[in-house]
Amino acid sequence: MKTNNSEGCALCNATWGEYWREIDGENMPFCCNICADIFQEMVRRVKENTGWDKIDYINLEGNYSKGRNCTATNGDRKYSYYFRTYSDGKFITFEER
């Protein structure tokens, strides 16, 4: 699974931290365990809402304070959604767009 954040953390693109977690069989870089928790839960929700068994790519736009507008793809299928979290990683909002 790829994201548009290629410089650092798979969720926020921060370049500090050396935290890694396996998400759907792929070892992915994160700046911290909270970003990894958020990303893992986001992937779970996308797969639950779409019925997909995998996600090829996630485009993330936005940030922690305003939330993120995202588009996940699986082959030629797309799923757009918005989410926002608390500082501890728990979701405030997750909605299809």
PDB file of N, CA and C in Angstrom:
ATOM      1  N   MET A   1       0.855  -1.182   0.000  1.00  0.00           N
ATOM      2  CA  MET A   1       0.000   0.000   0.000  1.00  0.00           C
ATOM      3  C   MET A   1       0.892   1.233   0.000  1.00  0.00           C
ATOM      4  N   LYS A   2       0.569   2.152  -0.840  1.00  0.00           N
ATOM      5  CA  LYS A   2       1.328   3.401  -0.953  1.00  0.00           C
ATOM      6  C   LYS A   2       0.445   4.573  -0.528  1.00  0.00           C
ATOM      7  N   THR A   3       1.095   5.670  -0.130  1.00  0.00           N
ATOM      8  CA  THR A   3       0.395   6.926   0.145  1.00  0.00           C
ATOM      9  C   THR A   3       1.141   8.050  -0.561  1.00  0.00           C
ATOM     10  N   ASN A   4       0.509   9.213  -0.638  1.00  0.00           N
ATOM     11  CA  ASN A   4       1.195  10.369  -1.213  1.00  0.00           C
ATOM     12  C   ASN A   4       2.238  10.937  -0.267  1.00  0.00           C
ATOM     13  N   ASN A   5       2.293  10.461   0.945  1.00  0.00           N
ATOM     14  CA  ASN A   5       3.309  10.889   1.911  1.00  0.00           C
ATOM     15  C   ASN A   5       4.525   9.987   1.764  1.00  0.00           C
ATOM     16  N   SER A   6       5.486  10.423   1.007  1.00  0.00           N
ATOM     17  CA  SER A   6       6.637   9.580   0.699  1.00  0.00           C
ATOM     18  C   SER A   6       7.922  10.002   1.399  1.00  0.00           C
ATOM     19  N   GLU A   7       7.901  11.131   2.079  1.00  0.00           N
ATOM     20  CA  GLU A   7       9.119  11.638   2.726  1.00  0.00           C
ATOM     21  C   GLU A   7       9.311  11.090   4.136  1.00  0.00           C
ATOM     22  N   GLY A   8       8.220  10.730   4.808  1.00  0.00           N
ATOM     23  CA  GLY A   8       8.329  10.295   6.198  1.00  0.00           C
ATOM     24  C   GLY A   8       7.152   9.436   6.600  1.00  0.00           C
ATOM     25  N   CYS A   9       6.500   9.857   7.664  1.00  0.00           N
ATOM     26  CA  CYS A   9       5.370   9.126   8.228  1.00  0.00           C
ATOM     27  C   CYS A   9       4.288   8.902   7.169  1.00  0.00           C
ATOM     28  N   ALA A  10       3.777   7.672   7.086  1.00  0.00           N
ATOM     29  CA  ALA A  10       2.740   7.328   6.099  1.00  0.00           C
ATOM     30  C   ALA A  10       1.462   8.133   6.310  1.00  0.00           C
ATOM     31  N   LEU A  11       1.215   8.615   7.535  1.00  0.00           N
ATOM     32  CA  LEU A  11       0.012   9.405   7.793  1.00  0.00           C
ATOM     33  C   LEU A  11       0.271  10.902   7.673  1.00  0.00           C
ATOM     34  N   CYS A  12       1.251  11.421   8.414  1.00  0.00           N
ATOM     35  CA  CYS A  12       1.418  12.880   8.500  1.00  0.00           C
ATOM     36  C   CYS A  12       2.643  13.407   7.754  1.00  0.00           C
ATOM     37  N   ASN A  13       3.477  12.511   7.240  1.00  0.00           N
ATOM     38  CA  ASN A  13       4.672  12.854   6.480  1.00  0.00           C
ATOM     39  C   ASN A  13       5.790  13.476   7.319  1.00  0.00           C
ATOM     40  N   ALA A  14       5.663  13.432   8.651  1.00  0.00           N
ATOM     41  CA  ALA A  14       6.740  13.932   9.513  1.00  0.00           C
ATOM     42  C   ALA A  14       7.995  13.104   9.287  1.00  0.00           C
ATOM     43  N   THR A  15       9.140  13.764   9.313  1.00  0.00           N
ATOM     44  CA  THR A  15      10.391  13.064   9.048  1.00  0.00           C
ATOM     45  C   THR A  15      11.142  12.691  10.323  1.00  0.00           C
ATOM     46  N   TRP A  16      10.601  12.991  11.461  1.00  0.00           N
ATOM     47  CA  TRP A  16      11.231  12.572  12.705  1.00  0.00           C
ATOM     48  C   TRP A  16      10.624  11.231  13.132  1.00  0.00           C
ATOM     49  N   GLY A  17      11.262  10.541  14.007  1.00  0.00           N
ATOM     50  CA  GLY A  17      10.744   9.275  14.532  1.00  0.00           C
ATOM     51  C   GLY A  17      11.140   8.102  13.659  1.00  0.00           C
ATOM     52  N   GLU A  18      11.248   6.985  14.291  1.00  0.00           N
ATOM     53  CA  GLU A  18      11.636   5.750  13.602  1.00  0.00           C
ATOM     54  C   GLU A  18      10.696   4.632  14.037  1.00  0.00           C
ATOM     55  N   TYR A  19       9.404   4.850  13.893  1.00  0.00           N
ATOM     56  CA  TYR A  19       8.427   3.850  14.303  1.00  0.00           C
ATOM     57  C   TYR A  19       7.917   3.126  13.064  1.00  0.00           C
ATOM     58  N   TRP A  20       7.932   1.810  13.091  1.00  0.00           N
ATOM     59  CA  TRP A  20       7.475   1.004  11.960  1.00  0.00           C
ATOM     60  C   TRP A  20       6.374   0.069  12.427  1.00  0.00           C
ATOM     61  N   ARG A  21       5.392  -0.161  11.550  1.00  0.00           N
ATOM     62  CA  ARG A  21       4.332  -1.119  11.857  1.00  0.00           C
ATOM     63  C   ARG A  21       3.915  -1.823  10.575  1.00  0.00           C
ATOM     64  N   GLU A  22       3.607  -3.087  10.715  1.00  0.00           N
ATOM     65  CA  GLU A  22       3.114  -3.856   9.583  1.00  0.00           C
ATOM     66  C   GLU A  22       1.613  -3.591   9.432  1.00  0.00           C
ATOM     67  N   ILE A  23       1.245  -3.072   8.277  1.00  0.00           N
ATOM     68  CA  ILE A  23      -0.151  -2.822   7.935  1.00  0.00           C
ATOM     69  C   ILE A  23      -0.455  -3.660   6.695  1.00  0.00           C
ATOM     70  N   ASP A  24      -1.380  -4.577   6.821  1.00  0.00           N
ATOM     71  CA  ASP A  24      -1.765  -5.458   5.706  1.00  0.00           C
ATOM     72  C   ASP A  24      -0.560  -6.124   5.039  1.00  0.00           C
ATOM     73  N   GLY A  25       0.358  -6.604   5.857  1.00  0.00           N
ATOM     74  CA  GLY A  25       1.500  -7.345   5.347  1.00  0.00           C
ATOM     75  C   GLY A  25       2.658  -6.500   4.848  1.00  0.00           C
ATOM     76  N   GLU A  26       2.554  -5.191   4.984  1.00  0.00           N
ATOM     77  CA  GLU A  26       3.613  -4.294   4.522  1.00  0.00           C
ATOM     78  C   GLU A  26       4.166  -3.493   5.695  1.00  0.00           C
ATOM     79  N   ASN A  27       5.474  -3.476   5.854  1.00  0.00           N
ATOM     80  CA  ASN A  27       6.114  -2.717   6.918  1.00  0.00           C
ATOM     81  C   ASN A  27       6.145  -1.246   6.517  1.00  0.00           C
ATOM     82  N   MET A  28       5.453  -0.396   7.275  1.00  0.00           N
ATOM     83  CA  MET A  28       5.297   1.012   6.894  1.00  0.00           C
ATOM     84  C   MET A  28       5.901   1.929   7.946  1.00  0.00           C
ATOM     85  N   PRO A  29       6.474   3.073   7.503  1.00  0.00           N
ATOM     86  CA  PRO A  29       7.093   4.024   8.430  1.00  0.00           C
ATOM     87  C   PRO A  29       6.068   4.998   9.015  1.00  0.00           C
ATOM     88  N   PHE A  30       6.222   5.287  10.280  1.00  0.00           N
ATOM     89  CA  PHE A  30       5.406   6.282  10.986  1.00  0.00           C
ATOM     90  C   PHE A  30       6.319   7.070  11.905  1.00  0.00           C
ATOM     91  N   CYS A  31       5.854   8.243  12.310  1.00  0.00           N
ATOM     92  CA  CYS A  31       6.654   9.032  13.244  1.00  0.00           C
ATOM     93  C   CYS A  31       6.442   8.564  14.681  1.00  0.00           C
ATOM     94  N   CYS A  32       5.273   7.965  14.950  1.00  0.00           N
ATOM     95  CA  CYS A  32       4.950   7.550  16.316  1.00  0.00           C
ATOM     96  C   CYS A  32       3.846   6.497  16.293  1.00  0.00           C
ATOM     97  N   ASN A  33       3.606   5.895  17.443  1.00  0.00           N
ATOM     98  CA  ASN A  33       2.581   4.864  17.535  1.00  0.00           C
ATOM     99  C   ASN A  33       1.168   5.431  17.349  1.00  0.00           C
ATOM    100  N   ILE A  34       0.939   6.693  17.659  1.00  0.00           N
ATOM    101  CA  ILE A  34      -0.397   7.280  17.490  1.00  0.00           C
ATOM    102  C   ILE A  34      -0.737   7.390  16.006  1.00  0.00           C
ATOM    103  N   CYS A  35       0.192   7.868  15.190  1.00  0.00           N
ATOM    104  CA  CYS A  35      -0.058   7.923  13.741  1.00  0.00           C
ATOM    105  C   CYS A  35      -0.275   6.519  13.186  1.00  0.00           C
ATOM    106  N   ALA A  36       0.484   5.549  13.672  1.00  0.00           N
ATOM    107  CA  ALA A  36       0.303   4.165  13.222  1.00  0.00           C
ATOM    108  C   ALA A  36      -1.073   3.639  13.619  1.00  0.00           C
ATOM    109  N   ASP A  37      -1.522   3.939  14.838  1.00  0.00           N
ATOM    110  CA  ASP A  37      -2.857   3.521  15.296  1.00  0.00           C
ATOM    111  C   ASP A  37      -3.943   4.128  14.422  1.00  0.00           C
ATOM    112  N   ILE A  38      -3.817   5.434  14.136  1.00  0.00           N
ATOM    113  CA  ILE A  38      -4.801   6.131  13.300  1.00  0.00           C
ATOM    114  C   ILE A  38      -4.829   5.510  11.904  1.00  0.00           C
ATOM    115  N   PHE A  39      -3.672   5.311  11.317  1.00  0.00           N
ATOM    116  CA  PHE A  39      -3.596   4.767   9.965  1.00  0.00           C
ATOM    117  C   PHE A  39      -4.203   3.364   9.914  1.00  0.00           C
ATOM    118  N   GLN A  40      -3.865   2.544  10.890  1.00  0.00           N
ATOM    119  CA  GLN A  40      -4.380   1.176  10.924  1.00  0.00           C
ATOM    120  C   GLN A  40      -5.905   1.162  11.046  1.00  0.00           C
ATOM    121  N   GLU A  41      -6.453   2.007  11.897  1.00  0.00           N
ATOM    122  CA  GLU A  41      -7.910   2.087  12.054  1.00  0.00           C
ATOM    123  C   GLU A  41      -8.560   2.657  10.799  1.00  0.00           C
ATOM    124  N   MET A  42      -7.928   3.639  10.163  1.00  0.00           N
ATOM    125  CA  MET A  42      -8.456   4.201   8.926  1.00  0.00           C
ATOM    126  C   MET A  42      -8.541   3.113   7.853  1.00  0.00           C
ATOM    127  N   VAL A  43      -7.490   2.328   7.708  1.00  0.00           N
ATOM    128  CA  VAL A  43      -7.481   1.241   6.734  1.00  0.00           C
ATOM    129  C   VAL A  43      -8.588   0.241   7.051  1.00  0.00           C
ATOM    130  N   ARG A  44      -8.744  -0.103   8.313  1.00  0.00           N
ATOM    131  CA  ARG A  44      -9.788  -1.044   8.718  1.00  0.00           C
ATOM    132  C   ARG A  44     -11.169  -0.528   8.327  1.00  0.00           C
ATOM    133  N   ARG A  45     -11.421   0.754   8.575  1.00  0.00           N
ATOM    134  CA  ARG A  45     -12.734   1.338   8.266  1.00  0.00           C
ATOM    135  C   ARG A  45     -12.986   1.410   6.764  1.00  0.00           C
ATOM    136  N   VAL A  46     -11.969   1.768   5.999  1.00  0.00           N
ATOM    137  CA  VAL A  46     -12.129   1.809   4.544  1.00  0.00           C
ATOM    138  C   VAL A  46     -12.478   0.417   4.028  1.00  0.00           C
ATOM    139  N   LYS A  47     -11.744  -0.584   4.462  1.00  0.00           N
ATOM    140  CA  LYS A  47     -12.000  -1.944   4.009  1.00  0.00           C
ATOM    141  C   LYS A  47     -13.377  -2.431   4.459  1.00  0.00           C
ATOM    142  N   GLU A  48     -13.775  -2.070   5.653  1.00  0.00           N
ATOM    143  CA  GLU A  48     -15.109  -2.442   6.151  1.00  0.00           C
ATOM    144  C   GLU A  48     -16.206  -1.777   5.316  1.00  0.00           C
ATOM    145  N   ASN A  49     -16.037  -0.509   5.003  1.00  0.00           N
ATOM    146  CA  ASN A  49     -17.054   0.234   4.247  1.00  0.00           C
ATOM    147  C   ASN A  49     -17.120  -0.167   2.776  1.00  0.00           C
ATOM    148  N   THR A  50     -16.005  -0.609   2.211  1.00  0.00           N
ATOM    149  CA  THR A  50     -15.970  -0.923   0.781  1.00  0.00           C
ATOM    150  C   THR A  50     -16.096  -2.413   0.479  1.00  0.00           C
ATOM    151  N   GLY A  51     -15.735  -3.235   1.441  1.00  0.00           N
ATOM    152  CA  GLY A  51     -15.703  -4.672   1.198  1.00  0.00           C
ATOM    153  C   GLY A  51     -14.428  -5.130   0.503  1.00  0.00           C
ATOM    154  N   TRP A  52     -13.482  -4.204   0.305  1.00  0.00           N
ATOM    155  CA  TRP A  52     -12.212  -4.540  -0.344  1.00  0.00           C
ATOM    156  C   TRP A  52     -11.365  -5.408   0.581  1.00  0.00           C
ATOM    157  N   ASP A  53     -10.551  -6.258  -0.017  1.00  0.00           N
ATOM    158  CA  ASP A  53      -9.614  -7.043   0.784  1.00  0.00           C
ATOM    159  C   ASP A  53      -8.242  -6.371   0.868  1.00  0.00           C
ATOM    160  N   LYS A  54      -8.021  -5.370  -0.012  1.00  0.00           N
ATOM    161  CA  LYS A  54      -6.756  -4.628   0.053  1.00  0.00           C
ATOM    162  C   LYS A  54      -6.957  -3.215  -0.500  1.00  0.00           C
ATOM    163  N   ILE A  55      -6.024  -2.363  -0.159  1.00  0.00           N
ATOM    164  CA  ILE A  55      -5.998  -0.983  -0.654  1.00  0.00           C
ATOM    165  C   ILE A  55      -4.659  -0.796  -1.355  1.00  0.00           C
ATOM    166  N   ASP A  56      -4.695  -0.269  -2.571  1.00  0.00           N
ATOM    167  CA  ASP A  56      -3.464  -0.048  -3.327  1.00  0.00           C
ATOM    168  C   ASP A  56      -2.793   1.274  -2.969  1.00  0.00           C
ATOM    169  N   TYR A  57      -3.606   2.325  -2.818  1.00  0.00           N
ATOM    170  CA  TYR A  57      -3.060   3.671  -2.648  1.00  0.00           C
ATOM    171  C   TYR A  57      -4.044   4.517  -1.844  1.00  0.00           C
ATOM    172  N   ILE A  58      -3.495   5.384  -0.990  1.00  0.00           N
ATOM    173  CA  ILE A  58      -4.314   6.347  -0.250  1.00  0.00           C
ATOM    174  C   ILE A  58      -3.718   7.731  -0.445  1.00  0.00           C
ATOM    175  N   ASN A  59      -4.540   8.643  -0.948  1.00  0.00           N
ATOM    176  CA  ASN A  59      -4.149  10.044  -1.063  1.00  0.00           C
ATOM    177  C   ASN A  59      -4.737  10.776   0.146  1.00  0.00           C
ATOM    178  N   LEU A  60      -3.875  11.387   0.949  1.00  0.00           N
ATOM    179  CA  LEU A  60      -4.289  12.093   2.162  1.00  0.00           C
ATOM    180  C   LEU A  60      -4.039  13.577   1.984  1.00  0.00           C
ATOM    181  N   GLU A  61      -5.057  14.379   2.171  1.00  0.00           N
ATOM    182  CA  GLU A  61      -4.934  15.841   2.108  1.00  0.00           C
ATOM    183  C   GLU A  61      -5.492  16.421   3.398  1.00  0.00           C
ATOM    184  N   GLY A  62      -4.763  17.338   3.993  1.00  0.00           N
ATOM    185  CA  GLY A  62      -5.214  17.967   5.232  1.00  0.00           C
ATOM    186  C   GLY A  62      -4.244  17.691   6.358  1.00  0.00           C
ATOM    187  N   ASN A  63      -4.722  17.903   7.590  1.00  0.00           N
ATOM    188  CA  ASN A  63      -3.845  17.730   8.735  1.00  0.00           C
ATOM    189  C   ASN A  63      -4.662  17.379   9.976  1.00  0.00           C
ATOM    190  N   TYR A  64      -3.956  17.255  11.088  1.00  0.00           N
ATOM    191  CA  TYR A  64      -4.588  16.875  12.347  1.00  0.00           C
ATOM    192  C   TYR A  64      -5.681  17.861  12.765  1.00  0.00           C
ATOM    193  N   SER A  65      -5.417  19.154  12.691  1.00  0.00           N
ATOM    194  CA  SER A  65      -6.365  20.133  13.238  1.00  0.00           C
ATOM    195  C   SER A  65      -7.628  20.301  12.402  1.00  0.00           C
ATOM    196  N   LYS A  66      -7.508  20.221  11.081  1.00  0.00           N
ATOM    197  CA  LYS A  66      -8.680  20.419  10.221  1.00  0.00           C
ATOM    198  C   LYS A  66      -9.270  19.114   9.717  1.00  0.00           C
ATOM    199  N   GLY A  67      -8.588  18.017   9.940  1.00  0.00           N
ATOM    200  CA  GLY A  67      -9.033  16.730   9.434  1.00  0.00           C
ATOM    201  C   GLY A  67      -8.441  16.463   8.066  1.00  0.00           C
ATOM    202  N   ARG A  68      -8.675  15.268   7.570  1.00  0.00           N
ATOM    203  CA  ARG A  68      -8.077  14.856   6.305  1.00  0.00           C
ATOM    204  C   ARG A  68      -9.138  14.379   5.329  1.00  0.00           C
ATOM    205  N   ASN A  69      -9.091  14.897   4.114  1.00  0.00           N
ATOM    206  CA  ASN A  69      -9.900  14.402   3.001  1.00  0.00           C
ATOM    207  C   ASN A  69      -9.027  13.394   2.266  1.00  0.00           C
ATOM    208  N   CYS A  70      -9.564  12.211   2.049  1.00  0.00           N
ATOM    209  CA  CYS A  70      -8.761  11.128   1.498  1.00  0.00           C
ATOM    210  C   CYS A  70      -9.486  10.422   0.359  1.00  0.00           C
ATOM    211  N   THR A  71      -8.696   9.797  -0.484  1.00  0.00           N
ATOM    212  CA  THR A  71      -9.222   8.908  -1.509  1.00  0.00           C
ATOM    213  C   THR A  71      -8.378   7.649  -1.501  1.00  0.00           C
ATOM    214  N   ALA A  72      -9.037   6.525  -1.297  1.00  0.00           N
ATOM    215  CA  ALA A  72      -8.378   5.224  -1.354  1.00  0.00           C
ATOM    216  C   ALA A  72      -8.723   4.580  -2.682  1.00  0.00           C
ATOM    217  N   THR A  73      -7.767   3.839  -3.236  1.00  0.00           N
ATOM    218  CA  THR A  73      -8.026   3.141  -4.490  1.00  0.00           C
ATOM    219  C   THR A  73      -7.689   1.660  -4.352  1.00  0.00           C
ATOM    220  N   ASN A  74      -8.432   0.878  -5.119  1.00  0.00           N
ATOM    221  CA  ASN A  74      -8.195  -0.547  -5.260  1.00  0.00           C
ATOM    222  C   ASN A  74      -8.435  -0.840  -6.735  1.00  0.00           C
ATOM    223  N   GLY A  75      -7.360  -1.002  -7.483  1.00  0.00           N
ATOM    224  CA  GLY A  75      -7.495  -1.128  -8.932  1.00  0.00           C
ATOM    225  C   GLY A  75      -8.079   0.159  -9.489  1.00  0.00           C
ATOM    226  N   ASP A  76      -9.192   0.054 -10.209  1.00  0.00           N
ATOM    227  CA  ASP A  76      -9.830   1.258 -10.755  1.00  0.00           C
ATOM    228  C   ASP A  76     -10.971   1.766  -9.879  1.00  0.00           C
ATOM    229  N   ARG A  77     -11.161   1.148  -8.728  1.00  0.00           N
ATOM    230  CA  ARG A  77     -12.213   1.590  -7.794  1.00  0.00           C
ATOM    231  C   ARG A  77     -11.661   2.650  -6.858  1.00  0.00           C
ATOM    232  N   LYS A  78     -12.515   3.623  -6.507  1.00  0.00           N
ATOM    233  CA  LYS A  78     -12.116   4.715  -5.610  1.00  0.00           C
ATOM    234  C   LYS A  78     -13.135   4.861  -4.495  1.00  0.00           C
ATOM    235  N   TYR A  79     -12.646   5.262  -3.330  1.00  0.00           N
ATOM    236  CA  TYR A  79     -13.492   5.536  -2.175  1.00  0.00           C
ATOM    237  C   TYR A  79     -12.981   6.817  -1.530  1.00  0.00           C
ATOM    238  N   SER A  80     -13.825   7.842  -1.468  1.00  0.00           N
ATOM    239  CA  SER A  80     -13.447   9.131  -0.870  1.00  0.00           C
ATOM    240  C   SER A  80     -14.082   9.252   0.502  1.00  0.00           C
ATOM    241  N   TYR A  81     -13.319   9.814   1.436  1.00  0.00           N
ATOM    242  CA  TYR A  81     -13.789   9.932   2.813  1.00  0.00           C
ATOM    243  C   TYR A  81     -13.042  11.064   3.527  1.00  0.00           C
ATOM    244  N   TYR A  82     -13.582  11.432   4.674  1.00  0.00           N
ATOM    245  CA  TYR A  82     -13.003  12.468   5.529  1.00  0.00           C
ATOM    246  C   TYR A  82     -12.903  11.883   6.925  1.00  0.00           C
ATOM    247  N   PHE A  83     -11.813  12.201   7.628  1.00  0.00           N
ATOM    248  CA  PHE A  83     -11.738  11.802   9.030  1.00  0.00           C
ATOM    249  C   PHE A  83     -10.980  12.840   9.839  1.00  0.00           C
ATOM    250  N   ARG A  84     -11.282  12.813  11.110  1.00  0.00           N
ATOM    251  CA  ARG A  84     -10.631  13.690  12.079  1.00  0.00           C
ATOM    252  C   ARG A  84     -10.480  12.910  13.373  1.00  0.00           C
ATOM    253  N   THR A  85      -9.381  13.130  14.092  1.00  0.00           N
ATOM    254  CA  THR A  85      -9.118  12.383  15.319  1.00  0.00           C
ATOM    255  C   THR A  85      -8.800  13.308  16.490  1.00  0.00           C
ATOM    256  N   TYR A  86      -8.926  12.761  17.678  1.00  0.00           N
ATOM    257  CA  TYR A  86      -8.429  13.424  18.885  1.00  0.00           C
ATOM    258  C   TYR A  86      -6.908  13.235  18.939  1.00  0.00           C
ATOM    259  N   SER A  87      -6.241  13.920  19.841  1.00  0.00           N
ATOM    260  CA  SER A  87      -4.783  13.825  19.939  1.00  0.00           C
ATOM    261  C   SER A  87      -4.312  12.430  20.355  1.00  0.00           C
ATOM    262  N   ASP A  88      -5.201  11.649  20.979  1.00  0.00           N
ATOM    263  CA  ASP A  88      -4.817  10.293  21.380  1.00  0.00           C
ATOM    264  C   ASP A  88      -5.048   9.269  20.267  1.00  0.00           C
ATOM    265  N   GLY A  89      -5.539   9.720  19.111  1.00  0.00           N
ATOM    266  CA  GLY A  89      -5.735   8.837  17.978  1.00  0.00           C
ATOM    267  C   GLY A  89      -7.141   8.296  17.809  1.00  0.00           C
ATOM    268  N   LYS A  90      -8.009   8.532  18.772  1.00  0.00           N
ATOM    269  CA  LYS A  90      -9.396   8.078  18.639  1.00  0.00           C
ATOM    270  C   LYS A  90     -10.119   8.956  17.616  1.00  0.00           C
ATOM    271  N   PHE A  91     -11.007   8.337  16.840  1.00  0.00           N
ATOM    272  CA  PHE A  91     -11.695   9.048  15.775  1.00  0.00           C
ATOM    273  C   PHE A  91     -12.838   9.915  16.304  1.00  0.00           C
ATOM    274  N   ILE A  92     -12.889  11.167  15.862  1.00  0.00           N
ATOM    275  CA  ILE A  92     -14.016  12.066  16.109  1.00  0.00           C
ATOM    276  C   ILE A  92     -15.031  11.843  15.001  1.00  0.00           C
ATOM    277  N   THR A  93     -14.547  11.826  13.763  1.00  0.00           N
ATOM    278  CA  THR A  93     -15.395  11.736  12.582  1.00  0.00           C
ATOM    279  C   THR A  93     -14.752  10.818  11.564  1.00  0.00           C
ATOM    280  N   PHE A  94     -15.564  10.009  10.915  1.00  0.00           N
ATOM    281  CA  PHE A  94     -15.167   9.253   9.733  1.00  0.00           C
ATOM    282  C   PHE A  94     -16.401   9.178   8.859  1.00  0.00           C
ATOM    283  N   GLU A  95     -16.366   9.855   7.719  1.00  0.00           N
ATOM    284  CA  GLU A  95     -17.541   9.874   6.862  1.00  0.00           C
ATOM    285  C   GLU A  95     -17.184   9.783   5.390  1.00  0.00           C
ATOM    286  N   GLU A  96     -18.018   9.073   4.666  1.00  0.00           N
ATOM    287  CA  GLU A  96     -17.848   8.933   3.227  1.00  0.00           C
ATOM    288  C   GLU A  96     -18.143  10.262   2.554  1.00  0.00           C
ATOM    289  N   ARG A  97     -17.407  10.541   1.508  1.00  0.00           N
ATOM    290  CA  ARG A  97     -17.615  11.799   0.756  1.00  0.00           C
ATOM    291  C   ARG A  97     -18.027  11.492  -0.652  1.00  0.00           C
TER     292      ARG A  97
END
